[in-house]
PDB file of N, CA and C in Angstrom:
ATOM      1  N   MET A   1      17.335  -4.021   4.839  1.00  0.00           N
ATOM      2  CA  MET A   1      16.416  -5.361   5.750  1.00  0.00           C
ATOM      3  C   MET A   1      15.364  -5.192   6.047  1.00  0.00           C
ATOM      4  N   PRO A   2      14.252  -5.524   4.838  1.00  0.00           N
ATOM      5  CA  PRO A   2      13.266  -5.419   5.853  1.00  0.00           C
ATOM      6  C   PRO A   2      12.256  -5.410   7.153  1.00  0.00           C
ATOM      7  N   ASP A   3      11.478  -4.338   7.718  1.00  0.00           N
ATOM      8  CA  ASP A   3      10.880  -4.338   8.892  1.00  0.00           C
ATOM      9  C   ASP A   3       9.569  -4.803   8.716  1.00  0.00           C
ATOM     10  N   THR A   4       9.281  -5.090   9.666  1.00  0.00           N
ATOM     11  CA  THR A   4       8.467  -6.054  10.500  1.00  0.00           C
ATOM     12  C   THR A   4       6.871  -5.795  10.936  1.00  0.00           C
ATOM     13  N   MET A   5       6.056  -4.838  10.816  1.00  0.00           N
ATOM     14  CA  MET A   5       4.425  -4.393  11.616  1.00  0.00           C
ATOM     15  C   MET A   5       3.742  -4.400  11.428  1.00  0.00           C
ATOM     16  N   ASN A   6       3.190  -4.495  13.129  1.00  0.00           N
ATOM     17  CA  ASN A   6       1.659  -5.288  13.260  1.00  0.00           C
ATOM     18  C   ASN A   6       1.261  -4.294  12.704  1.00  0.00           C
ATOM     19  N   VAL A   7      -0.206  -4.314  13.011  1.00  0.00           N
ATOM     20  CA  VAL A   7      -1.510  -3.965  11.705  1.00  0.00           C
ATOM     21  C   VAL A   7      -1.948  -3.230  13.266  1.00  0.00           C
ATOM     22  N   PRO A   8      -2.306  -2.048  13.435  1.00  0.00           N
ATOM     23  CA  PRO A   8      -3.486  -2.300  14.375  1.00  0.00           C
ATOM     24  C   PRO A   8      -5.709  -2.859  14.309  1.00  0.00           C
ATOM     25  N   GLN A   9      -5.637  -2.899  15.368  1.00  0.00           N
ATOM     26  CA  GLN A   9      -6.991  -3.577  15.482  1.00  0.00           C
ATOM     27  C   GLN A   9      -7.646  -2.569  15.513  1.00  0.00           C
ATOM     28  N   THR A  10      -7.361  -1.380  15.136  1.00  0.00           N
ATOM     29  CA  THR A  10      -8.898  -0.647  14.147  1.00  0.00           C
ATOM     30  C   THR A  10      -8.058  -0.052  13.138  1.00  0.00           C
ATOM     31  N   VAL A  11      -9.556   0.086  12.377  1.00  0.00           N
ATOM     32  CA  VAL A  11      -9.173   0.820  10.673  1.00  0.00           C
ATOM     33  C   VAL A  11      -9.498   1.902  10.845  1.00  0.00           C
ATOM     34  N   PRO A  12      -8.544   3.166  10.764  1.00  0.00           N
ATOM     35  CA  PRO A  12      -9.469   4.101  10.321  1.00  0.00           C
ATOM     36  C   PRO A  12     -10.394   4.667   8.795  1.00  0.00           C
ATOM     37  N   ALA A  13     -11.632   5.307   9.188  1.00  0.00           N
ATOM     38  CA  ALA A  13     -13.268   5.291   8.630  1.00  0.00           C
ATOM     39  C   ALA A  13     -12.343   5.737   7.089  1.00  0.00           C
ATOM     40  N   ALA A  14     -12.947   5.084   6.651  1.00  0.00           N
ATOM     41  CA  ALA A  14     -12.845   5.287   4.894  1.00  0.00           C
ATOM     42  C   ALA A  14     -13.174   6.703   4.631  1.00  0.00           C
ATOM     43  N   HIS A  15     -13.050   7.747   3.658  1.00  0.00           N
ATOM     44  CA  HIS A  15     -12.949   8.790   3.006  1.00  0.00           C
ATOM     45  C   HIS A  15     -14.204   9.017   2.993  1.00  0.00           C
ATOM     46  N   PRO A  16     -15.462  10.175   2.669  1.00  0.00           N
ATOM     47  CA  PRO A  16     -16.290   9.946   2.364  1.00  0.00           C
ATOM     48  C   PRO A  16     -17.109   9.846   0.563  1.00  0.00           C
ATOM     49  N   ALA A  17     -15.271  10.291   0.049  1.00  0.00           N
ATOM     50  CA  ALA A  17     -15.400  10.062  -1.482  1.00  0.00           C
ATOM     51  C   ALA A  17     -15.005   8.921  -1.982  1.00  0.00           C
ATOM     52  N   ALA A  18     -14.594   8.462  -0.841  1.00  0.00           N
ATOM     53  CA  ALA A  18     -13.446   6.415  -1.617  1.00  0.00           C
ATOM     54  C   ALA A  18     -14.115   5.616  -1.705  1.00  0.00           C
ATOM     55  N   PRO A  19     -13.906   4.682  -2.409  1.00  0.00           N
ATOM     56  CA  PRO A  19     -15.201   3.782  -2.913  1.00  0.00           C
ATOM     57  C   PRO A  19     -15.261   2.610  -2.172  1.00  0.00           C
ATOM     58  N   ALA A  20     -16.560   2.369  -1.057  1.00  0.00           N
ATOM     59  CA  ALA A  20     -16.441   0.817  -0.792  1.00  0.00           C
ATOM     60  C   ALA A  20     -15.846   0.067  -0.729  1.00  0.00           C
ATOM     61  N   ALA A  21     -14.852  -1.132  -0.706  1.00  0.00           N
ATOM     62  CA  ALA A  21     -13.874  -2.307  -0.823  1.00  0.00           C
ATOM     63  C   ALA A  21     -14.637  -2.602  -0.284  1.00  0.00           C
ATOM     64  N   HIS A  22     -14.950  -4.379  -1.492  1.00  0.00           N
ATOM     65  CA  HIS A  22     -15.847  -4.888  -1.352  1.00  0.00           C
ATOM     66  C   HIS A  22     -14.612  -6.255  -0.781  1.00  0.00           C
ATOM     67  N   PRO A  23     -15.503  -6.528   0.866  1.00  0.00           N
ATOM     68  CA  PRO A  23     -14.789  -6.972   2.060  1.00  0.00           C
ATOM     69  C   PRO A  23     -14.310  -8.090   1.062  1.00  0.00           C
ATOM     70  N   ALA A  24     -15.245  -8.989   1.066  1.00  0.00           N
ATOM     71  CA  ALA A  24     -13.941 -10.819   0.257  1.00  0.00           C
ATOM     72  C   ALA A  24     -12.918 -10.307  -0.760  1.00  0.00           C
ATOM     73  N   THR A  25     -12.493  -9.053  -1.171  1.00  0.00           N
ATOM     74  CA  THR A  25     -11.680  -9.759  -1.942  1.00  0.00           C
ATOM     75  C   THR A  25     -10.896  -8.215  -1.982  1.00  0.00           C
ATOM     76  N   HIS A  26     -11.056  -7.237  -0.613  1.00  0.00           N
ATOM     77  CA  HIS A  26     -10.044  -6.694  -0.080  1.00  0.00           C
ATOM     78  C   HIS A  26     -10.090  -5.816   0.908  1.00  0.00           C
ATOM     79  N   PRO A  27      -9.740  -7.001   1.829  1.00  0.00           N
ATOM     80  CA  PRO A  27     -10.194  -7.063   3.594  1.00  0.00           C
ATOM     81  C   PRO A  27      -9.431  -5.467   3.891  1.00  0.00           C
ATOM     82  N   ALA A  28      -9.610  -5.118   5.077  1.00  0.00           N
ATOM     83  CA  ALA A  28      -9.169  -4.338   5.506  1.00  0.00           C
ATOM     84  C   ALA A  28      -7.781  -3.457   6.316  1.00  0.00           C
ATOM     85  N   VAL A  29      -8.213  -5.164   7.148  1.00  0.00           N
ATOM     86  CA  VAL A  29      -6.973  -5.574   7.546  1.00  0.00           C
ATOM     87  C   VAL A  29      -6.553  -6.897   7.527  1.00  0.00           C
ATOM     88  N   PRO A  30      -4.857  -6.941   6.537  1.00  0.00           N
ATOM     89  CA  PRO A  30      -4.383  -7.577   6.629  1.00  0.00           C
ATOM     90  C   PRO A  30      -4.034  -9.136   7.726  1.00  0.00           C
ATOM     91  N   ALA A  31      -4.203  -9.790   7.345  1.00  0.00           N
ATOM     92  CA  ALA A  31      -4.105 -11.768   8.788  1.00  0.00           C
ATOM     93  C   ALA A  31      -2.987 -11.252   9.459  1.00  0.00           C
ATOM     94  N   GLY A  32      -2.200 -11.374   9.294  1.00  0.00           N
ATOM     95  CA  GLY A  32      -0.773 -11.309   9.861  1.00  0.00           C
ATOM     96  C   GLY A  32      -0.277  -9.627   9.665  1.00  0.00           C
ATOM     97  N   ALA A  33       0.883  -9.892   9.348  1.00  0.00           N
ATOM     98  CA  ALA A  33       2.089  -8.328   9.600  1.00  0.00           C
ATOM     99  C   ALA A  33       2.599  -8.185   8.402  1.00  0.00           C
ATOM    100  N   ILE A  34       2.857  -6.780   7.568  1.00  0.00           N
ATOM    101  CA  ILE A  34       3.349  -6.559   6.897  1.00  0.00           C
ATOM    102  C   ILE A  34       4.924  -7.068   6.604  1.00  0.00           C
ATOM    103  N   VAL A  35       5.368  -7.434   5.551  1.00  0.00           N
ATOM    104  CA  VAL A  35       6.876  -7.243   5.947  1.00  0.00           C
ATOM    105  C   VAL A  35       7.193  -6.538   4.817  1.00  0.00           C
ATOM    106  N   TRP A  36       8.117  -5.180   5.258  1.00  0.00           N
ATOM    107  CA  TRP A  36       8.009  -4.570   3.805  1.00  0.00           C
ATOM    108  C   TRP A  36       9.418  -4.296   4.689  1.00  0.00           C
ATOM    109  N   GLY A  37       9.832  -3.798   2.678  1.00  0.00           N
ATOM    110  CA  GLY A  37      10.653  -3.890   1.902  1.00  0.00           C
ATOM    111  C   GLY A  37      11.526  -2.249   2.147  1.00  0.00           C
ATOM    112  N   ASP A  38      12.928  -1.898   1.321  1.00  0.00           N
ATOM    113  CA  ASP A  38      13.375  -0.849   1.591  1.00  0.00           C
ATOM    114  C   ASP A  38      12.881   0.876   0.679  1.00  0.00           C
ATOM    115  N   ALA A  39      12.561   1.408   1.231  1.00  0.00           N
ATOM    116  CA  ALA A  39      12.135   2.236   1.543  1.00  0.00           C
ATOM    117  C   ALA A  39      12.205   3.028  -0.270  1.00  0.00           C
ATOM    118  N   PHE A  40      11.570   3.889  -1.028  1.00  0.00           N
ATOM    119  CA  PHE A  40      11.881   4.180  -2.555  1.00  0.00           C
ATOM    120  C   PHE A  40      12.317   5.826  -2.448  1.00  0.00           C
ATOM    121  N   CYS A  41      13.353   6.800  -2.352  1.00  0.00           N
ATOM    122  CA  CYS A  41      12.617   8.070  -1.700  1.00  0.00           C
ATOM    123  C   CYS A  41      13.098   9.113  -2.738  1.00  0.00           C
ATOM    124  N   SER A  42      12.817   9.862  -3.186  1.00  0.00           N
ATOM    125  CA  SER A  42      13.238  11.682  -3.587  1.00  0.00           C
ATOM    126  C   SER A  42      13.762  11.764  -3.017  1.00  0.00           C
ATOM    127  N   GLU A  43      13.889  13.842  -3.662  1.00  0.00           N
ATOM    128  CA  GLU A  43      13.614  14.553  -2.547  1.00  0.00           C
ATOM    129  C   GLU A  43      13.823  14.708  -1.359  1.00  0.00           C
ATOM    130  N   GLY A  44      15.171  14.646  -0.684  1.00  0.00           N
ATOM    131  CA  GLY A  44      13.145  15.329   0.785  1.00  0.00           C
ATOM    132  C   GLY A  44      13.224  14.010   1.222  1.00  0.00           C
ATOM    133  N   ALA A  45      11.981  13.766   2.491  1.00  0.00           N
ATOM    134  CA  ALA A  45      11.615  12.881   2.318  1.00  0.00           C
ATOM    135  C   ALA A  45      10.498  11.789   1.878  1.00  0.00           C
ATOM    136  N   ASN A  46       9.949  11.937   0.692  1.00  0.00           N
ATOM    137  CA  ASN A  46       9.391  11.589  -0.107  1.00  0.00           C
ATOM    138  C   ASN A  46       9.179  10.328  -0.746  1.00  0.00           C
ATOM    139  N   CYS A  47       9.173   8.906   0.807  1.00  0.00           N
ATOM    140  CA  CYS A  47       9.539   8.075   0.831  1.00  0.00           C
ATOM    141  C   CYS A  47       8.541   7.174   0.870  1.00  0.00           C
ATOM    142  N   PHE A  48       8.315   6.236   0.096  1.00  0.00           N
ATOM    143  CA  PHE A  48       7.196   4.684  -0.610  1.00  0.00           C
ATOM    144  C   PHE A  48       8.491   3.971   0.039  1.00  0.00           C
ATOM    145  N   ARG A  49       7.763   3.095   0.681  1.00  0.00           N
ATOM    146  CA  ARG A  49       7.501   1.427   0.472  1.00  0.00           C
ATOM    147  C   ARG A  49       6.421   0.025   0.040  1.00  0.00           C
ATOM    148  N   PHE A  50       6.951  -0.694  -0.531  1.00  0.00           N
ATOM    149  CA  PHE A  50       5.791  -2.116  -0.933  1.00  0.00           C
ATOM    150  C   PHE A  50       6.330  -3.307   0.440  1.00  0.00           C
ATOM    151  N   GLY A  51       5.111  -3.607   0.017  1.00  0.00           N
ATOM    152  CA  GLY A  51       5.514  -5.156   0.997  1.00  0.00           C
ATOM    153  C   GLY A  51       3.898  -5.873   1.152  1.00  0.00           C
ATOM    154  N   LEU A  52       4.491  -7.339   1.018  1.00  0.00           N
ATOM    155  CA  LEU A  52       3.337  -8.313   1.467  1.00  0.00           C
ATOM    156  C   LEU A  52       3.610  -8.697   2.617  1.00  0.00           C
ATOM    157  N   ASP A  53       1.999  -8.764   2.856  1.00  0.00           N
ATOM    158  CA  ASP A  53       1.317  -9.243   3.987  1.00  0.00           C
ATOM    159  C   ASP A  53       1.403 -11.332   3.562  1.00  0.00           C
ATOM    160  N   ASP A  54       0.783 -12.318   5.448  1.00  0.00           N
ATOM    161  CA  ASP A  54       1.527 -12.990   5.110  1.00  0.00           C
ATOM    162  C   ASP A  54       0.254 -14.364   3.760  1.00  0.00           C
ATOM    163  N   ALA A  55      -0.494 -13.635   3.307  1.00  0.00           N
ATOM    164  CA  ALA A  55      -1.705 -13.710   2.855  1.00  0.00           C
ATOM    165  C   ALA A  55      -1.550 -13.707   1.626  1.00  0.00           C
ATOM    166  N   GLY A  56      -0.435 -12.648   0.240  1.00  0.00           N
ATOM    167  CA  GLY A  56      -0.228 -13.514  -0.426  1.00  0.00           C
ATOM    168  C   GLY A  56      -0.077 -11.170  -1.258  1.00  0.00           C
ATOM    169  N   ARG A  57      -1.355 -10.422  -0.076  1.00  0.00           N
ATOM    170  CA  ARG A  57      -1.913  -9.089  -0.492  1.00  0.00           C
ATOM    171  C   ARG A  57      -0.472  -7.979  -0.709  1.00  0.00           C
ATOM    172  N   ALA A  58      -0.486  -6.978  -1.744  1.00  0.00           N
ATOM    173  CA  ALA A  58       0.630  -6.219  -1.860  1.00  0.00           C
ATOM    174  C   ALA A  58       0.337  -4.856  -1.386  1.00  0.00           C
ATOM    175  N   TYR A  59       0.912  -4.226  -0.772  1.00  0.00           N
ATOM    176  CA  TYR A  59       1.074  -3.070   0.007  1.00  0.00           C
ATOM    177  C   TYR A  59       2.012  -2.049  -0.434  1.00  0.00           C
ATOM    178  N   ILE A  60       1.636  -0.070  -0.477  1.00  0.00           N
ATOM    179  CA  ILE A  60       2.022   0.523  -0.721  1.00  0.00           C
ATOM    180  C   ILE A  60       1.971   1.779   0.354  1.00  0.00           C
ATOM    181  N   GLY A  61       3.292   1.887   0.434  1.00  0.00           N
ATOM    182  CA  GLY A  61       2.925   3.203   2.351  1.00  0.00           C
ATOM    183  C   GLY A  61       3.586   3.885   2.182  1.00  0.00           C
ATOM    184  N   SER A  62       3.144   4.935   3.083  1.00  0.00           N
ATOM    185  CA  SER A  62       4.781   5.772   3.279  1.00  0.00           C
ATOM    186  C   SER A  62       5.264   6.009   4.727  1.00  0.00           C
ATOM    187  N   THR A  63       6.254   6.451   4.341  1.00  0.00           N
ATOM    188  CA  THR A  63       6.822   6.197   5.958  1.00  0.00           C
ATOM    189  C   THR A  63       6.991   7.050   6.386  1.00  0.00           C
ATOM    190  N   LEU A  64       6.041   8.508   6.877  1.00  0.00           N
ATOM    191  CA  LEU A  64       6.233   9.561   7.096  1.00  0.00           C
ATOM    192  C   LEU A  64       4.717   8.599   7.515  1.00  0.00           C
ATOM    193  N   THR A  65       3.839   8.447   6.570  1.00  0.00           N
ATOM    194  CA  THR A  65       2.022   7.996   8.595  1.00  0.00           C
ATOM    195  C   THR A  65       2.383   6.086   8.194  1.00  0.00           C
ATOM    196  N   PRO A  66       3.098   5.611   8.517  1.00  0.00           N
ATOM    197  CA  PRO A  66       3.931   4.201   8.752  1.00  0.00           C
ATOM    198  C   PRO A  66       2.115   3.346   9.061  1.00  0.00           C
ATOM    199  N   GLY A  67       1.461   3.383   9.327  1.00  0.00           N
ATOM    200  CA  GLY A  67      -0.117   2.807   9.553  1.00  0.00           C
ATOM    201  C   GLY A  67      -0.732   3.319   8.705  1.00  0.00           C
ATOM    202  N   GLU A  68      -0.888   3.835   7.934  1.00  0.00           N
ATOM    203  CA  GLU A  68      -0.975   4.240   6.010  1.00  0.00           C
ATOM    204  C   GLU A  68      -0.530   3.295   5.144  1.00  0.00           C
ATOM    205  N   TYR A  69      -1.796   3.153   3.771  1.00  0.00           N
ATOM    206  CA  TYR A  69      -1.225   2.178   3.749  1.00  0.00           C
ATOM    207  C   TYR A  69      -2.157   2.043   1.954  1.00  0.00           C
ATOM    208  N   VAL A  70      -1.716   1.274   0.782  1.00  0.00           N
ATOM    209  CA  VAL A  70      -3.065   0.941  -0.348  1.00  0.00           C
ATOM    210  C   VAL A  70      -2.503  -0.550   0.092  1.00  0.00           C
ATOM    211  N   SER A  71      -3.895  -1.083   0.144  1.00  0.00           N
ATOM    212  CA  SER A  71      -4.565  -3.012  -0.063  1.00  0.00           C
ATOM    213  C   SER A  71      -4.119  -2.970  -1.879  1.00  0.00           C
ATOM    214  N   ASP A  72      -3.664  -3.868  -2.042  1.00  0.00           N
ATOM    215  CA  ASP A  72      -4.764  -4.998  -2.532  1.00  0.00           C
ATOM    216  C   ASP A  72      -4.092  -5.804  -2.943  1.00  0.00           C
ATOM    217  N   SER A  73      -3.943  -7.053  -4.776  1.00  0.00           N
ATOM    218  CA  SER A  73      -3.166  -7.521  -5.010  1.00  0.00           C
ATOM    219  C   SER A  73      -1.811  -8.105  -5.557  1.00  0.00           C
ATOM    220  N   VAL A  74      -1.308  -8.189  -5.585  1.00  0.00           N
ATOM    221  CA  VAL A  74      -0.120  -7.842  -6.522  1.00  0.00           C
ATOM    222  C   VAL A  74      -0.382  -8.248  -7.484  1.00  0.00           C
ATOM    223  N   GLU A  75      -1.412  -8.975  -8.635  1.00  0.00           N
ATOM    224  CA  GLU A  75      -1.505  -7.770  -9.475  1.00  0.00           C
ATOM    225  C   GLU A  75      -1.407  -7.394 -10.156  1.00  0.00           C
ATOM    226  N   ALA A  76      -3.097  -6.401  -8.672  1.00  0.00           N
ATOM    227  CA  ALA A  76      -3.012  -5.048  -9.121  1.00  0.00           C
ATOM    228  C   ALA A  76      -2.306  -3.804  -8.349  1.00  0.00           C
ATOM    229  N   LEU A  77      -1.356  -4.594  -8.379  1.00  0.00           N
ATOM    230  CA  LEU A  77       0.012  -3.789  -8.014  1.00  0.00           C
ATOM    231  C   LEU A  77       1.019  -3.533  -9.038  1.00  0.00           C
ATOM    232  N   ARG A  78       1.159  -4.538  -9.578  1.00  0.00           N
ATOM    233  CA  ARG A  78       2.173  -4.220 -10.636  1.00  0.00           C
ATOM    234  C   ARG A  78       1.047  -4.186 -12.164  1.00  0.00           C
ATOM    235  N   ALA A  79      -0.248  -4.288 -12.247  1.00  0.00           N
ATOM    236  CA  ALA A  79      -1.131  -3.150 -13.152  1.00  0.00           C
ATOM    237  C   ALA A  79      -0.856  -2.017 -12.849  1.00  0.00           C
ATOM    238  N   LEU A  80      -0.829  -1.844 -11.346  1.00  0.00           N
ATOM    239  CA  LEU A  80      -0.831  -0.348 -11.029  1.00  0.00           C
ATOM    240  C   LEU A  80       0.910   0.502 -11.602  1.00  0.00           C
ATOM    241  N   ILE A  81       1.799   0.087 -11.583  1.00  0.00           N
ATOM    242  CA  ILE A  81       3.254   0.206 -12.114  1.00  0.00           C
ATOM    243  C   ILE A  81       3.178   0.550 -12.841  1.00  0.00           C
ATOM    244  N   SER A  82       3.286  -1.136 -14.192  1.00  0.00           N
ATOM    245  CA  SER A  82       3.286  -1.261 -15.469  1.00  0.00           C
ATOM    246  C   SER A  82       2.875   0.836 -16.012  1.00  0.00           C
ATOM    247  N   ALA A  83       0.849   1.004 -15.547  1.00  0.00           N
ATOM    248  CA  ALA A  83       0.262   2.428 -15.438  1.00  0.00           C
ATOM    249  C   ALA A  83       1.880   3.296 -15.623  1.00  0.00           C
ATOM    250  N   VAL A  84       1.542   3.579 -14.632  1.00  0.00           N
ATOM    251  CA  VAL A  84       2.663   4.962 -14.117  1.00  0.00           C
ATOM    252  C   VAL A  84       4.139   4.579 -14.826  1.00  0.00           C
ATOM    253  N   LYS A  85       4.242   3.531 -15.009  1.00  0.00           N
ATOM    254  CA  LYS A  85       5.385   3.834 -15.893  1.00  0.00           C
ATOM    255  C   LYS A  85       5.659   4.281 -17.342  1.00  0.00           C
ATOM    256  N   SER A  86       4.317   3.531 -18.107  1.00  0.00           N
ATOM    257  CA  SER A  86       3.912   3.651 -18.555  1.00  0.00           C
ATOM    258  C   SER A  86       3.690   5.384 -19.323  1.00  0.00           C
ATOM    259  N   GLY A  87       3.613   5.747 -18.318  1.00  0.00           N
ATOM    260  CA  GLY A  87       3.246   7.627 -18.840  1.00  0.00           C
ATOM    261  C   GLY A  87       1.147   7.802 -18.118  1.00  0.00           C
ATOM    262  N   ALA A  88       0.805   6.940 -17.657  1.00  0.00           N
ATOM    263  CA  ALA A  88      -0.633   7.629 -16.989  1.00  0.00           C
ATOM    264  C   ALA A  88      -0.525   8.172 -15.801  1.00  0.00           C
ATOM    265  N   ALA A  89       0.202   8.716 -15.339  1.00  0.00           N
ATOM    266  CA  ALA A  89       0.748   9.676 -14.378  1.00  0.00           C
ATOM    267  C   ALA A  89       1.261  10.519 -14.294  1.00  0.00           C
ATOM    268  N   ASP A  90       1.615  10.907 -15.963  1.00  0.00           N
ATOM    269  CA  ASP A  90       2.227  12.192 -15.902  1.00  0.00           C
ATOM    270  C   ASP A  90       1.538  13.268 -15.413  1.00  0.00           C
ATOM    271  N   HIS A  91       0.707  13.387 -15.894  1.00  0.00           N
ATOM    272  CA  HIS A  91      -0.286  14.952 -15.725  1.00  0.00           C
ATOM    273  C   HIS A  91      -0.264  15.050 -14.367  1.00  0.00           C
ATOM    274  N   LEU A  92       0.456  14.185 -13.560  1.00  0.00           N
ATOM    275  CA  LEU A  92       0.009  13.756 -12.264  1.00  0.00           C
ATOM    276  C   LEU A  92       1.602  15.321 -11.712  1.00  0.00           C
ATOM    277  N   LEU A  93       1.842  15.149 -12.935  1.00  0.00           N
ATOM    278  CA  LEU A  93       3.945  15.672 -13.035  1.00  0.00           C
ATOM    279  C   LEU A  93       4.065  17.581 -12.572  1.00  0.00           C
TER     280      LEU A  93
END
């Protein structure tokens, strides 16, 4: 059963090396609550989960840090997952 997380009113400062997001296409705070699906876990407590907000934006978050997540469009998330499945991140393993 998915849980609903209320989004904090403040957003932590971006890492200095991270590129700035374009505010028109990548809002820092979702319009409403994020509805998270069940977590995907590997060995130990390494769990990630996917979520959607009321505006249809996609999120990837860790169960260890529930207030931190990566957000983009559903299409971008789909492209990321396809790239990972095809081996684009194998060098990280």
